[in-house]
Amino acid sequence: MFTRRATIALIAGAVALGGLMSQPAFADYPEKPVTLILPNKSGGGLDINVRIILKHLAKYTDANIVVKNIAGGGTTTGTRAAYDAPKDGHTVFFFHEAFMGTSAQGILGRDFRDMIPVARAGAIDIMYAGGKSAPFEDFAGLVEYAKANPGQVRIGVQLTALNHIIALSFMDALGVEFKLINVPGGNGPMRAALIGGQVDLAVTLPSAAKAYVDSGDMKQIVFMADYKPKALPEIALSSEVGHPELQWAATNYFFLHKDTPQEARDWWADMIGKVMADEELLAELGAKIEDLRFSSGEELRAEVEASYSRFEAIVDKYDLKK
């Protein structure tokens, strides 16, 4: 026979169990050190971002997470290493939209959709800047000149990289033809080519462009996001010039292989969600990037799928498939 006290105890136990079941159940994950693969050299913007995130993540977990920079092959060496690692949840891949480009073009030799995005942790938003001697002053002038002079606007790209896809997306949306100038080596050589007059237009960051805009060595053309950047608050947004579809960024994405246990995916989504709400993290990372938005689950997967579909469309239109 159940006494009133026993009944109350059972009810309390059931409530407690229900509370436990409503919390993420991660058992023993991670069971060993986790390797976070970044497919480029240390010291870049993405590398700095993830190290800031992991620094603050240590407040919420004692997991041993080690960043492994694997550069080479235009980021494909490290990306392939992430695909080929054991699928036990102890290898995480951290990268941005350039991953979509190498996959869509067939360079990677792996199926993009075999990697599942588990967390979005902000983004590095970008702009187009014009050179001092560029034959246009603003976005409207760029479009007018490019239409009147097909193939004469020299745009800096690194062939097959993210900025190459962005350049083609602008050509497609604006109905113009640019002259693509290959400038390998990253942001430094691209900035030098723009300032030196070897190209008329190039992707850069508002924070990096500000001093050159102030000195007259660069022109602010268009910002590819939905807010005004603090460094250049007067720059036109892509939506303001009639092209909201021309929003691009280098987004901080955490990926796990599709064969990874769900427990590991849930753990990372939960942990990154916690750290992206941390005020100290937001202050430190916010000094580097302005987009600090977090997402996970179906919302994130829909975002990434839509983004990858854009890459596939550009690759098909300009016959870039290897």
C-alpha atoms as a PDB file:
ATOM      1  CA  MET A   1       0.000   0.000   0.000  1.00  0.00           C
ATOM      2  CA  PHE A   2       1.264   3.484  -0.888  1.00  0.00           C
ATOM      3  CA  THR A   3       1.232   5.998   1.938  1.00  0.00           C
ATOM      4  CA  ARG A   4       0.697   9.694   1.280  1.00  0.00           C
ATOM      5  CA  ARG A   5       4.410  10.280   1.985  1.00  0.00           C
ATOM      6  CA  ALA A   6       5.404   7.554  -0.482  1.00  0.00           C
ATOM      7  CA  THR A   7       3.074   8.985  -3.111  1.00  0.00           C
ATOM      8  CA  ILE A   8       4.576  12.449  -2.682  1.00  0.00           C
ATOM      9  CA  ALA A   9       8.064  10.950  -2.974  1.00  0.00           C
ATOM     10  CA  LEU A  10       7.114   9.187  -6.194  1.00  0.00           C
ATOM     11  CA  ILE A  11       5.660  12.365  -7.645  1.00  0.00           C
ATOM     12  CA  ALA A  12       8.781  14.318  -6.670  1.00  0.00           C
ATOM     13  CA  GLY A  13      10.957  11.648  -8.245  1.00  0.00           C
ATOM     14  CA  ALA A  14       8.944  11.741 -11.445  1.00  0.00           C
ATOM     15  CA  VAL A  15       9.200  15.530 -11.622  1.00  0.00           C
ATOM     16  CA  ALA A  16      12.942  15.363 -11.067  1.00  0.00           C
ATOM     17  CA  LEU A  17      13.305  12.703 -13.743  1.00  0.00           C
ATOM     18  CA  GLY A  18      11.218  14.757 -16.124  1.00  0.00           C
ATOM     19  CA  GLY A  19      13.483  17.735 -15.463  1.00  0.00           C
ATOM     20  CA  LEU A  20      16.536  15.664 -16.189  1.00  0.00           C
ATOM     21  CA  MET A  21      14.999  14.307 -19.379  1.00  0.00           C
ATOM     22  CA  SER A  22      14.239  17.851 -20.566  1.00  0.00           C
ATOM     23  CA  GLN A  23      17.943  18.716 -20.412  1.00  0.00           C
ATOM     24  CA  PRO A  24      20.425  17.707 -23.110  1.00  0.00           C
ATOM     25  CA  ALA A  25      21.664  14.180 -22.338  1.00  0.00           C
ATOM     26  CA  PHE A  26      25.317  13.949 -23.315  1.00  0.00           C
ATOM     27  CA  ALA A  27      26.414  10.938 -21.212  1.00  0.00           C
ATOM     28  CA  ASP A  28      30.196  10.691 -21.452  1.00  0.00           C
ATOM     29  CA  TYR A  29      30.806  12.829 -24.550  1.00  0.00           C
ATOM     30  CA  PRO A  30      33.492  13.857 -25.195  1.00  0.00           C
ATOM     31  CA  GLU A  31      35.361  10.774 -24.030  1.00  0.00           C
ATOM     32  CA  LYS A  32      38.773  11.957 -25.235  1.00  0.00           C
ATOM     33  CA  PRO A  33      40.426  15.103 -26.650  1.00  0.00           C
ATOM     34  CA  VAL A  34      38.579  16.723 -29.541  1.00  0.00           C
ATOM     35  CA  THR A  35      40.462  17.915 -32.617  1.00  0.00           C
ATOM     36  CA  LEU A  36      39.038  21.013 -34.270  1.00  0.00           C
ATOM     37  CA  ILE A  37      40.340  21.237 -37.838  1.00  0.00           C
ATOM     38  CA  LEU A  38      40.768  24.615 -39.497  1.00  0.00           C
ATOM     39  CA  PRO A  39      41.949  24.276 -43.118  1.00  0.00           C
ATOM     40  CA  ASN A  40      44.235  27.302 -43.239  1.00  0.00           C
ATOM     41  CA  LYS A  41      47.212  28.795 -41.428  1.00  0.00           C
ATOM     42  CA  SER A  42      47.123  30.128 -37.898  1.00  0.00           C
ATOM     43  CA  GLY A  43      46.882  33.857 -37.326  1.00  0.00           C
ATOM     44  CA  GLY A  44      44.108  34.648 -39.814  1.00  0.00           C
ATOM     45  CA  GLY A  45      40.714  36.072 -38.978  1.00  0.00           C
ATOM     46  CA  LEU A  46      38.957  32.711 -38.806  1.00  0.00           C
ATOM     47  CA  ASP A  47      41.716  31.243 -36.638  1.00  0.00           C
ATOM     48  CA  ILE A  48      41.526  34.185 -34.234  1.00  0.00           C
ATOM     49  CA  ASN A  49      37.741  33.896 -34.066  1.00  0.00           C
ATOM     50  CA  VAL A  50      37.681  30.204 -33.168  1.00  0.00           C
ATOM     51  CA  ARG A  51      40.378  30.606 -30.538  1.00  0.00           C
ATOM     52  CA  ILE A  52      38.356  33.360 -28.871  1.00  0.00           C
ATOM     53  CA  ILE A  53      35.278  31.117 -28.927  1.00  0.00           C
ATOM     54  CA  LEU A  54      37.172  28.166 -27.435  1.00  0.00           C
ATOM     55  CA  LYS A  55      38.756  30.358 -24.768  1.00  0.00           C
ATOM     56  CA  HIS A  56      35.318  31.282 -23.437  1.00  0.00           C
ATOM     57  CA  LEU A  57      33.897  27.813 -24.054  1.00  0.00           C
ATOM     58  CA  ALA A  58      36.271  26.586 -21.349  1.00  0.00           C
ATOM     59  CA  LYS A  59      33.952  28.245 -18.814  1.00  0.00           C
ATOM     60  CA  TYR A  60      31.244  25.721 -19.681  1.00  0.00           C
ATOM     61  CA  THR A  61      33.165  22.500 -20.228  1.00  0.00           C
ATOM     62  CA  ASP A  62      36.433  20.888 -19.226  1.00  0.00           C
ATOM     63  CA  ALA A  63      36.653  19.120 -22.606  1.00  0.00           C
ATOM     64  CA  ASN A  64      40.122  19.146 -24.135  1.00  0.00           C
ATOM     65  CA  ILE A  65      39.639  20.816 -27.546  1.00  0.00           C
ATOM     66  CA  VAL A  66      42.750  21.272 -29.689  1.00  0.00           C
ATOM     67  CA  VAL A  67      42.845  23.481 -32.799  1.00  0.00           C
ATOM     68  CA  LYS A  68      44.701  21.845 -35.673  1.00  0.00           C
ATOM     69  CA  ASN A  69      45.569  24.145 -38.574  1.00  0.00           C
ATOM     70  CA  ILE A  70      45.994  22.108 -41.772  1.00  0.00           C
ATOM     71  CA  ALA A  71      46.824  24.449 -44.622  1.00  0.00           C
ATOM     72  CA  GLY A  72      47.440  23.523 -48.238  1.00  0.00           C
ATOM     73  CA  GLY A  73      45.669  22.763 -51.462  1.00  0.00           C
ATOM     74  CA  GLY A  74      43.643  25.959 -51.316  1.00  0.00           C
ATOM     75  CA  THR A  75      42.062  24.730 -48.041  1.00  0.00           C
ATOM     76  CA  THR A  76      41.227  21.294 -49.503  1.00  0.00           C
ATOM     77  CA  THR A  77      43.960  19.447 -47.563  1.00  0.00           C
ATOM     78  CA  GLY A  78      42.488  20.285 -44.177  1.00  0.00           C
ATOM     79  CA  THR A  79      38.921  19.889 -45.395  1.00  0.00           C
ATOM     80  CA  ARG A  80      39.592  16.374 -46.675  1.00  0.00           C
ATOM     81  CA  ALA A  81      41.291  15.523 -43.376  1.00  0.00           C
ATOM     82  CA  ALA A  82      38.075  16.461 -41.570  1.00  0.00           C
ATOM     83  CA  TYR A  83      36.029  14.220 -43.873  1.00  0.00           C
ATOM     84  CA  ASP A  84      38.394  11.297 -43.512  1.00  0.00           C
ATOM     85  CA  ALA A  85      38.776  11.437 -39.705  1.00  0.00           C
ATOM     86  CA  PRO A  86      36.980   8.873 -37.513  1.00  0.00           C
ATOM     87  CA  LYS A  87      33.255   9.564 -37.277  1.00  0.00           C
ATOM     88  CA  ASP A  88      33.104   9.338 -33.492  1.00  0.00           C
ATOM     89  CA  GLY A  89      32.440  13.009 -32.812  1.00  0.00           C
ATOM     90  CA  HIS A  90      35.985  13.796 -31.730  1.00  0.00           C
ATOM     91  CA  THR A  91      36.881  15.645 -34.924  1.00  0.00           C
ATOM     92  CA  VAL A  92      35.105  18.939 -35.629  1.00  0.00           C
ATOM     93  CA  PHE A  93      35.470  21.059 -38.756  1.00  0.00           C
ATOM     94  CA  PHE A  94      35.425  24.859 -38.533  1.00  0.00           C
ATOM     95  CA  PHE A  95      35.248  26.889 -41.722  1.00  0.00           C
ATOM     96  CA  HIS A  96      33.237  29.337 -43.790  1.00  0.00           C
ATOM     97  CA  GLU A  97      31.580  29.485 -47.231  1.00  0.00           C
ATOM     98  CA  ALA A  98      34.812  28.800 -49.139  1.00  0.00           C
ATOM     99  CA  PHE A  99      34.148  25.153 -48.240  1.00  0.00           C
ATOM    100  CA  MET A 100      30.962  25.339 -50.288  1.00  0.00           C
ATOM    101  CA  GLY A 101      32.871  26.698 -53.258  1.00  0.00           C
ATOM    102  CA  THR A 102      35.502  23.972 -53.428  1.00  0.00           C
ATOM    103  CA  SER A 103      32.835  21.309 -53.050  1.00  0.00           C
ATOM    104  CA  ALA A 104      30.442  22.772 -55.639  1.00  0.00           C
ATOM    105  CA  GLN A 105      33.288  23.130 -58.152  1.00  0.00           C
ATOM    106  CA  GLY A 106      34.318  19.493 -57.707  1.00  0.00           C
ATOM    107  CA  ILE A 107      37.759  20.481 -56.413  1.00  0.00           C
ATOM    108  CA  LEU A 108      37.271  18.920 -53.002  1.00  0.00           C
ATOM    109  CA  GLY A 109      36.244  15.489 -54.214  1.00  0.00           C
ATOM    110  CA  ARG A 110      33.799  15.111 -51.330  1.00  0.00           C
ATOM    111  CA  ASP A 111      30.033  15.581 -51.025  1.00  0.00           C
ATOM    112  CA  PHE A 112      29.324  18.862 -49.235  1.00  0.00           C
ATOM    113  CA  ARG A 113      26.107  17.488 -47.757  1.00  0.00           C
ATOM    114  CA  ASP A 114      28.014  14.739 -45.937  1.00  0.00           C
ATOM    115  CA  MET A 115      29.009  17.443 -43.446  1.00  0.00           C
ATOM    116  CA  ILE A 116      26.260  18.647 -41.106  1.00  0.00           C
ATOM    117  CA  PRO A 117      26.369  22.223 -39.781  1.00  0.00           C
ATOM    118  CA  VAL A 118      25.814  22.118 -36.028  1.00  0.00           C
ATOM    119  CA  ALA A 119      26.356  25.742 -35.008  1.00  0.00           C
ATOM    120  CA  ARG A 120      26.740  29.219 -36.486  1.00  0.00           C
ATOM    121  CA  ALA A 121      28.892  31.539 -34.386  1.00  0.00           C
ATOM    122  CA  GLY A 122      28.822  34.912 -36.110  1.00  0.00           C
ATOM    123  CA  ALA A 123      30.330  35.977 -39.412  1.00  0.00           C
ATOM    124  CA  ILE A 124      32.956  38.183 -41.005  1.00  0.00           C
ATOM    125  CA  ASP A 125      30.944  40.497 -43.246  1.00  0.00           C
ATOM    126  CA  ILE A 126      32.592  41.946 -46.322  1.00  0.00           C
ATOM    127  CA  MET A 127      32.469  44.808 -48.813  1.00  0.00           C
ATOM    128  CA  TYR A 128      33.663  45.796 -52.261  1.00  0.00           C
ATOM    129  CA  ALA A 129      36.177  48.624 -52.322  1.00  0.00           C
ATOM    130  CA  GLY A 130      37.314  50.481 -55.412  1.00  0.00           C
ATOM    131  CA  GLY A 131      40.844  51.630 -56.051  1.00  0.00           C
ATOM    132  CA  LYS A 132      41.845  55.298 -56.074  1.00  0.00           C
ATOM    133  CA  SER A 133      42.120  55.347 -59.856  1.00  0.00           C
ATOM    134  CA  ALA A 134      39.059  53.182 -60.529  1.00  0.00           C
ATOM    135  CA  PRO A 135      36.812  54.747 -63.216  1.00  0.00           C
ATOM    136  CA  PHE A 136      33.808  54.917 -60.876  1.00  0.00           C
ATOM    137  CA  GLU A 137      33.027  56.470 -57.493  1.00  0.00           C
ATOM    138  CA  ASP A 138      30.198  54.373 -56.108  1.00  0.00           C
ATOM    139  CA  PHE A 139      27.968  51.383 -56.828  1.00  0.00           C
ATOM    140  CA  ALA A 140      25.803  53.184 -59.388  1.00  0.00           C
ATOM    141  CA  GLY A 141      28.920  54.400 -61.163  1.00  0.00           C
ATOM    142  CA  LEU A 142      30.371  50.878 -61.154  1.00  0.00           C
ATOM    143  CA  VAL A 143      27.271  49.442 -62.816  1.00  0.00           C
ATOM    144  CA  GLU A 144      27.060  52.261 -65.356  1.00  0.00           C
ATOM    145  CA  TYR A 145      30.742  51.984 -66.311  1.00  0.00           C
ATOM    146  CA  ALA A 146      30.712  48.169 -66.433  1.00  0.00           C
ATOM    147  CA  LYS A 147      27.678  48.128 -68.738  1.00  0.00           C
ATOM    148  CA  ALA A 148      29.211  50.717 -71.040  1.00  0.00           C
ATOM    149  CA  ASN A 149      32.629  49.040 -71.016  1.00  0.00           C
ATOM    150  CA  PRO A 150      32.259  45.234 -70.943  1.00  0.00           C
ATOM    151  CA  GLY A 151      35.310  43.450 -69.593  1.00  0.00           C
ATOM    152  CA  GLN A 152      37.106  46.658 -68.615  1.00  0.00           C
ATOM    153  CA  VAL A 153      36.516  46.674 -64.836  1.00  0.00           C
ATOM    154  CA  ARG A 154      39.405  44.690 -63.358  1.00  0.00           C
ATOM    155  CA  ILE A 155      38.216  42.785 -60.320  1.00  0.00           C
ATOM    156  CA  GLY A 156      40.652  41.011 -58.020  1.00  0.00           C
ATOM    157  CA  VAL A 157      39.896  37.368 -57.266  1.00  0.00           C
ATOM    158  CA  GLN A 158      41.687  34.243 -56.206  1.00  0.00           C
ATOM    159  CA  LEU A 159      40.499  31.742 -58.771  1.00  0.00           C
ATOM    160  CA  THR A 160      38.172  29.059 -57.313  1.00  0.00           C
ATOM    161  CA  ALA A 161      38.062  30.876 -53.932  1.00  0.00           C
ATOM    162  CA  LEU A 162      35.104  32.559 -52.251  1.00  0.00           C
ATOM    163  CA  ASN A 163      35.851  35.991 -53.744  1.00  0.00           C
ATOM    164  CA  HIS A 164      35.824  34.415 -57.222  1.00  0.00           C
ATOM    165  CA  ILE A 165      32.274  33.115 -56.664  1.00  0.00           C
ATOM    166  CA  ILE A 166      31.213  36.493 -55.274  1.00  0.00           C
ATOM    167  CA  ALA A 167      32.564  38.297 -58.343  1.00  0.00           C
ATOM    168  CA  LEU A 168      30.622  35.980 -60.646  1.00  0.00           C
ATOM    169  CA  SER A 169      27.463  36.450 -58.589  1.00  0.00           C
ATOM    170  CA  PHE A 170      27.762  40.225 -59.093  1.00  0.00           C
ATOM    171  CA  MET A 171      28.303  39.766 -62.823  1.00  0.00           C
ATOM    172  CA  ASP A 172      25.224  37.577 -62.980  1.00  0.00           C
ATOM    173  CA  ALA A 173      22.985  39.847 -60.914  1.00  0.00           C
ATOM    174  CA  LEU A 174      24.097  43.091 -62.572  1.00  0.00           C
ATOM    175  CA  GLY A 175      24.225  41.752 -66.111  1.00  0.00           C
ATOM    176  CA  VAL A 176      27.822  42.906 -66.631  1.00  0.00           C
ATOM    177  CA  GLU A 177      31.185  41.399 -67.499  1.00  0.00           C
ATOM    178  CA  PHE A 178      34.247  42.008 -65.329  1.00  0.00           C
ATOM    179  CA  LYS A 179      37.841  41.220 -66.157  1.00  0.00           C
ATOM    180  CA  LEU A 180      38.927  38.730 -63.506  1.00  0.00           C
ATOM    181  CA  ILE A 181      42.490  39.280 -62.266  1.00  0.00           C
ATOM    182  CA  ASN A 182      43.928  36.380 -60.296  1.00  0.00           C
ATOM    183  CA  VAL A 183      45.583  37.648 -57.094  1.00  0.00           C
ATOM    184  CA  PRO A 184      46.609  34.646 -54.959  1.00  0.00           C
ATOM    185  CA  GLY A 185      47.853  34.877 -51.400  1.00  0.00           C
ATOM    186  CA  GLY A 186      44.954  36.246 -49.387  1.00  0.00           C
ATOM    187  CA  ASN A 187      43.959  39.639 -48.040  1.00  0.00           C
ATOM    188  CA  GLY A 188      47.406  41.267 -47.996  1.00  0.00           C
ATOM    189  CA  PRO A 189      48.267  40.807 -51.691  1.00  0.00           C
ATOM    190  CA  MET A 190      44.692  41.676 -52.680  1.00  0.00           C
ATOM    191  CA  ARG A 191      44.813  44.946 -50.726  1.00  0.00           C
ATOM    192  CA  ALA A 192      48.217  45.763 -52.252  1.00  0.00           C
ATOM    193  CA  ALA A 193      46.869  45.116 -55.760  1.00  0.00           C
ATOM    194  CA  LEU A 194      43.930  47.434 -55.121  1.00  0.00           C
ATOM    195  CA  ILE A 195      46.027  50.239 -53.653  1.00  0.00           C
ATOM    196  CA  GLY A 196      48.685  49.779 -56.330  1.00  0.00           C
ATOM    197  CA  GLY A 197      46.182  50.066 -59.163  1.00  0.00           C
ATOM    198  CA  GLN A 198      46.555  46.536 -60.520  1.00  0.00           C
ATOM    199  CA  VAL A 199      42.812  45.988 -59.934  1.00  0.00           C
ATOM    200  CA  ASP A 200      39.864  48.371 -59.806  1.00  0.00           C
ATOM    201  CA  LEU A 201      37.660  46.438 -57.386  1.00  0.00           C
ATOM    202  CA  ALA A 202      38.257  43.906 -54.628  1.00  0.00           C
ATOM    203  CA  VAL A 203      36.646  42.302 -51.589  1.00  0.00           C
ATOM    204  CA  THR A 204      37.858  43.557 -48.220  1.00  0.00           C
ATOM    205  CA  LEU A 205      36.632  44.272 -44.679  1.00  0.00           C
ATOM    206  CA  PRO A 206      35.285  47.659 -43.568  1.00  0.00           C
ATOM    207  CA  SER A 207      37.718  47.702 -40.627  1.00  0.00           C
ATOM    208  CA  ALA A 208      40.652  47.049 -42.982  1.00  0.00           C
ATOM    209  CA  ALA A 209      39.449  49.567 -45.574  1.00  0.00           C
ATOM    210  CA  LYS A 210      38.682  52.488 -43.262  1.00  0.00           C
ATOM    211  CA  ALA A 211      42.158  54.041 -43.137  1.00  0.00           C
ATOM    212  CA  TYR A 212      42.498  53.781 -46.913  1.00  0.00           C
ATOM    213  CA  VAL A 213      39.032  55.248 -47.491  1.00  0.00           C
ATOM    214  CA  ASP A 214      39.913  58.118 -45.158  1.00  0.00           C
ATOM    215  CA  SER A 215      43.183  58.740 -47.029  1.00  0.00           C
ATOM    216  CA  GLY A 216      41.501  58.574 -50.432  1.00  0.00           C
ATOM    217  CA  ASP A 217      43.320  55.415 -51.523  1.00  0.00           C
ATOM    218  CA  MET A 218      40.110  53.354 -51.604  1.00  0.00           C
ATOM    219  CA  LYS A 219      36.487  54.052 -52.473  1.00  0.00           C
ATOM    220  CA  GLN A 220      33.644  52.451 -50.533  1.00  0.00           C
ATOM    221  CA  ILE A 221      31.393  50.754 -53.087  1.00  0.00           C
ATOM    222  CA  VAL A 222      28.965  48.364 -51.360  1.00  0.00           C
ATOM    223  CA  PHE A 223      28.648  46.388 -48.116  1.00  0.00           C
ATOM    224  CA  MET A 224      27.260  42.865 -48.523  1.00  0.00           C
ATOM    225  CA  ALA A 225      25.257  42.641 -45.274  1.00  0.00           C
ATOM    226  CA  ASP A 226      22.030  43.899 -43.735  1.00  0.00           C
ATOM    227  CA  TYR A 227      23.440  46.471 -41.286  1.00  0.00           C
ATOM    228  CA  LYS A 228      25.751  49.485 -41.414  1.00  0.00           C
ATOM    229  CA  PRO A 229      29.309  48.641 -40.310  1.00  0.00           C
ATOM    230  CA  LYS A 230      30.741  50.785 -37.537  1.00  0.00           C
ATOM    231  CA  ALA A 231      33.950  51.457 -39.453  1.00  0.00           C
ATOM    232  CA  LEU A 232      32.159  52.804 -42.560  1.00  0.00           C
ATOM    233  CA  PRO A 233      28.618  53.799 -41.560  1.00  0.00           C
ATOM    234  CA  GLU A 234      28.012  55.720 -44.796  1.00  0.00           C
ATOM    235  CA  ILE A 235      28.635  52.792 -47.140  1.00  0.00           C
ATOM    236  CA  ALA A 236      25.703  51.621 -49.258  1.00  0.00           C
ATOM    237  CA  LEU A 237      24.206  48.233 -48.427  1.00  0.00           C
ATOM    238  CA  SER A 238      23.501  45.759 -51.210  1.00  0.00           C
ATOM    239  CA  SER A 239      19.810  45.996 -50.294  1.00  0.00           C
ATOM    240  CA  GLU A 240      19.907  49.793 -50.588  1.00  0.00           C
ATOM    241  CA  VAL A 241      21.195  49.608 -54.160  1.00  0.00           C
ATOM    242  CA  GLY A 242      18.434  47.206 -55.177  1.00  0.00           C
ATOM    243  CA  HIS A 243      20.261  43.902 -54.789  1.00  0.00           C
ATOM    244  CA  PRO A 244      19.457  42.261 -51.437  1.00  0.00           C
ATOM    245  CA  GLU A 245      20.427  38.923 -52.994  1.00  0.00           C
ATOM    246  CA  LEU A 246      24.052  40.087 -53.077  1.00  0.00           C
ATOM    247  CA  GLN A 247      24.692  39.511 -49.393  1.00  0.00           C
ATOM    248  CA  TRP A 248      27.849  37.504 -48.745  1.00  0.00           C
ATOM    249  CA  ALA A 249      29.984  36.734 -45.708  1.00  0.00           C
ATOM    250  CA  ALA A 250      32.630  34.426 -44.303  1.00  0.00           C
ATOM    251  CA  THR A 251      30.523  32.722 -41.640  1.00  0.00           C
ATOM    252  CA  ASN A 252      31.886  30.886 -38.587  1.00  0.00           C
ATOM    253  CA  TYR A 253      30.392  27.406 -39.012  1.00  0.00           C
ATOM    254  CA  PHE A 254      31.004  24.283 -36.915  1.00  0.00           C
ATOM    255  CA  PHE A 255      30.501  21.050 -38.894  1.00  0.00           C
ATOM    256  CA  LEU A 256      30.406  17.371 -37.979  1.00  0.00           C
ATOM    257  CA  HIS A 257      30.216  14.463 -40.410  1.00  0.00           C
ATOM    258  CA  LYS A 258      26.736  13.064 -40.982  1.00  0.00           C
ATOM    259  CA  ASP A 259      27.821   9.698 -39.538  1.00  0.00           C
ATOM    260  CA  THR A 260      28.804  11.323 -36.237  1.00  0.00           C
ATOM    261  CA  PRO A 261      26.607  10.267 -33.275  1.00  0.00           C
ATOM    262  CA  GLN A 262      23.699  12.633 -32.632  1.00  0.00           C
ATOM    263  CA  GLU A 263      24.948  13.055 -29.068  1.00  0.00           C
ATOM    264  CA  ALA A 264      28.065  14.829 -30.327  1.00  0.00           C
ATOM    265  CA  ARG A 265      26.090  17.110 -32.647  1.00  0.00           C
ATOM    266  CA  ASP A 266      23.736  18.063 -29.823  1.00  0.00           C
ATOM    267  CA  TRP A 267      26.650  18.723 -27.466  1.00  0.00           C
ATOM    268  CA  TRP A 268      28.285  21.157 -29.860  1.00  0.00           C
ATOM    269  CA  ALA A 269      25.030  22.977 -30.635  1.00  0.00           C
ATOM    270  CA  ASP A 270      24.334  23.319 -26.918  1.00  0.00           C
ATOM    271  CA  MET A 271      27.846  24.469 -26.002  1.00  0.00           C
ATOM    272  CA  ILE A 272      28.210  26.993 -28.810  1.00  0.00           C
ATOM    273  CA  GLY A 273      24.762  28.341 -27.963  1.00  0.00           C
ATOM    274  CA  LYS A 274      25.904  28.904 -24.393  1.00  0.00           C
ATOM    275  CA  VAL A 275      29.167  30.578 -25.278  1.00  0.00           C
ATOM    276  CA  MET A 276      27.556  32.832 -27.902  1.00  0.00           C
ATOM    277  CA  ALA A 277      25.341  34.206 -25.132  1.00  0.00           C
ATOM    278  CA  ASP A 278      28.334  34.892 -22.878  1.00  0.00           C
ATOM    279  CA  GLU A 279      28.813  38.635 -22.326  1.00  0.00           C
ATOM    280  CA  GLU A 280      32.601  38.410 -22.124  1.00  0.00           C
ATOM    281  CA  LEU A 281      32.736  36.396 -25.338  1.00  0.00           C
ATOM    282  CA  LEU A 282      30.459  38.888 -27.091  1.00  0.00           C
ATOM    283  CA  ALA A 283      32.697  41.748 -26.005  1.00  0.00           C
ATOM    284  CA  GLU A 284      35.936  40.101 -27.138  1.00  0.00           C
ATOM    285  CA  LEU A 285      34.651  38.551 -30.368  1.00  0.00           C
ATOM    286  CA  GLY A 286      32.585  41.671 -31.018  1.00  0.00           C
ATOM    287  CA  ALA A 287      35.805  43.665 -31.207  1.00  0.00           C
ATOM    288  CA  LYS A 288      36.713  41.534 -34.260  1.00  0.00           C
ATOM    289  CA  ILE A 289      33.360  41.020 -35.998  1.00  0.00           C
ATOM    290  CA  GLU A 290      29.970  42.740 -35.819  1.00  0.00           C
ATOM    291  CA  ASP A 291      27.705  39.851 -36.814  1.00  0.00           C
ATOM    292  CA  LEU A 292      27.453  37.766 -33.638  1.00  0.00           C
ATOM    293  CA  ARG A 293      24.338  35.810 -34.511  1.00  0.00           C
ATOM    294  CA  PHE A 294      24.038  32.209 -33.336  1.00  0.00           C
ATOM    295  CA  SER A 295      21.883  29.528 -34.879  1.00  0.00           C
ATOM    296  CA  SER A 296      21.590  25.752 -34.857  1.00  0.00           C
ATOM    297  CA  GLY A 297      19.176  22.973 -35.754  1.00  0.00           C
ATOM    298  CA  GLU A 298      16.766  23.260 -38.675  1.00  0.00           C
ATOM    299  CA  GLU A 299      17.184  27.026 -38.958  1.00  0.00           C
ATOM    300  CA  LEU A 300      20.916  26.624 -39.485  1.00  0.00           C
ATOM    301  CA  ARG A 301      20.603  23.695 -41.875  1.00  0.00           C
ATOM    302  CA  ALA A 302      18.129  25.656 -44.015  1.00  0.00           C
ATOM    303  CA  GLU A 303      20.515  28.639 -44.095  1.00  0.00           C
ATOM    304  CA  VAL A 304      23.467  26.503 -45.150  1.00  0.00           C
ATOM    305  CA  GLU A 305      21.470  24.583 -47.761  1.00  0.00           C
ATOM    306  CA  ALA A 306      20.244  27.840 -49.310  1.00  0.00           C
ATOM    307  CA  SER A 307      23.791  29.200 -49.360  1.00  0.00           C
ATOM    308  CA  TYR A 308      25.210  26.067 -50.952  1.00  0.00           C
ATOM    309  CA  SER A 309      22.488  26.149 -53.598  1.00  0.00           C
ATOM    310  CA  ARG A 310      23.725  29.628 -54.572  1.00  0.00           C
ATOM    311  CA  PHE A 311      27.203  28.219 -55.119  1.00  0.00           C
ATOM    312  CA  GLU A 312      25.843  25.365 -57.209  1.00  0.00           C
ATOM    313  CA  ALA A 313      23.904  27.814 -59.395  1.00  0.00           C
ATOM    314  CA  ILE A 314      26.957  30.018 -60.034  1.00  0.00           C
ATOM    315  CA  VAL A 315      29.172  27.009 -60.739  1.00  0.00           C
ATOM    316  CA  ASP A 316      26.635  25.676 -63.251  1.00  0.00           C
ATOM    317  CA  LYS A 317      26.098  29.043 -64.960  1.00  0.00           C
ATOM    318  CA  TYR A 318      29.809  29.737 -65.447  1.00  0.00           C
ATOM    319  CA  ASP A 319      30.782  26.091 -66.088  1.00  0.00           C
ATOM    320  CA  LEU A 320      33.270  25.881 -63.210  1.00  0.00           C
ATOM    321  CA  LYS A 321      32.803  22.189 -62.422  1.00  0.00           C
ATOM    322  CA  LYS A 322      36.135  20.367 -62.473  1.00  0.00           C
END
